[in-house]
Amino acid sequence: MTQNPVNIDLVLENMSNQIANLSKEKAVVQAYSIQQKQEIDQLKAEIQQLKQVVEESDESLDEIVS
């Protein structure tokens, strides 16, 4: 049986393409992660604001009842 010679240039090109695709995928994942963190931080800030509103409302009700 004869073996076909391996074309090193094709192998290197294929590996380079795979690396490029992985780099793109990594960038997408990082961007999505950053976006999710920003949304979580925003939601935490909104929750904190709502807690303050509830506390102020509770204090107002306490003053009315007293």
Protein backbone atom coordinates (compact mmCIF):
# COMPACT_ATOMS: atom_id res chain seq x y z
CA MET A 1 0.00 0.00 0.00
CA THR A 2 1.24 3.46 -0.84
CA GLN A 3 0.65 6.38 1.44
CA ASN A 4 -0.35 9.76 0.15
CA PRO A 5 2.11 12.42 1.17
CA VAL A 6 0.79 14.89 3.73
CA ASN A 7 0.73 18.44 2.51
CA ILE A 8 2.16 20.39 5.45
CA ASP A 9 0.87 23.68 4.06
CA LEU A 10 -2.71 22.37 4.09
CA VAL A 11 -2.32 21.03 7.61
CA LEU A 12 -0.94 24.35 8.84
CA GLU A 13 -3.67 26.30 7.05
CA ASN A 14 -6.31 24.06 8.61
CA MET A 15 -4.82 24.49 12.07
CA SER A 16 -4.62 28.26 11.58
CA ASN A 17 -8.29 28.34 10.59
CA GLN A 18 -9.22 26.32 13.67
CA ILE A 19 -7.26 28.69 15.91
CA ALA A 20 -8.94 31.70 14.27
CA ASN A 21 -12.39 30.17 14.80
CA LEU A 22 -11.62 29.40 18.43
CA SER A 23 -10.40 32.95 18.94
CA LYS A 24 -13.65 34.31 17.49
CA GLU A 25 -15.71 32.01 19.70
CA LYS A 26 -13.72 33.06 22.75
CA ALA A 27 -14.30 36.73 21.95
CA VAL A 28 -18.04 36.12 21.60
CA VAL A 29 -18.17 34.30 24.92
CA GLN A 30 -16.21 37.06 26.65
CA ALA A 31 -18.47 39.76 25.19
CA TYR A 32 -21.57 37.84 26.30
CA SER A 33 -20.08 37.38 29.77
CA ILE A 34 -19.35 41.09 30.10
CA GLN A 35 -22.87 41.94 28.93
CA GLN A 36 -24.38 39.53 31.47
CA LYS A 37 -22.27 41.01 34.28
CA GLN A 38 -23.39 44.52 33.36
CA GLU A 39 -27.03 43.44 33.36
CA ILE A 40 -26.61 41.72 36.73
CA ASP A 41 -24.96 44.82 38.20
CA GLN A 42 -27.80 46.97 36.86
CA LEU A 43 -30.41 44.64 38.36
CA LYS A 44 -28.59 44.67 41.71
CA ALA A 45 -28.64 48.48 41.67
CA GLU A 46 -32.36 48.49 40.87
CA ILE A 47 -33.04 46.04 43.69
CA GLN A 48 -31.10 48.24 46.09
CA GLN A 49 -33.15 51.27 45.01
CA LEU A 50 -36.38 49.34 45.49
CA LYS A 51 -35.26 48.25 48.97
CA GLN A 52 -34.67 51.88 49.86
CA VAL A 53 -38.13 52.85 48.60
CA VAL A 54 -39.70 50.07 50.67
CA GLU A 55 -37.75 51.10 53.77
CA GLU A 56 -38.80 54.73 53.32
CA SER A 57 -42.41 53.65 52.86
CA ASP A 58 -42.20 51.53 56.02
CA GLU A 59 -40.80 54.50 57.95
CA SER A 60 -43.61 56.73 56.65
CA LEU A 61 -46.21 54.18 57.69
CA ASP A 62 -44.62 53.90 61.15
CA GLU A 63 -44.85 57.68 61.55
CA ILE A 64 -48.51 57.69 60.50
CA VAL A 65 -49.40 54.85 62.86
CA SER A 66 -47.52 56.39 65.81
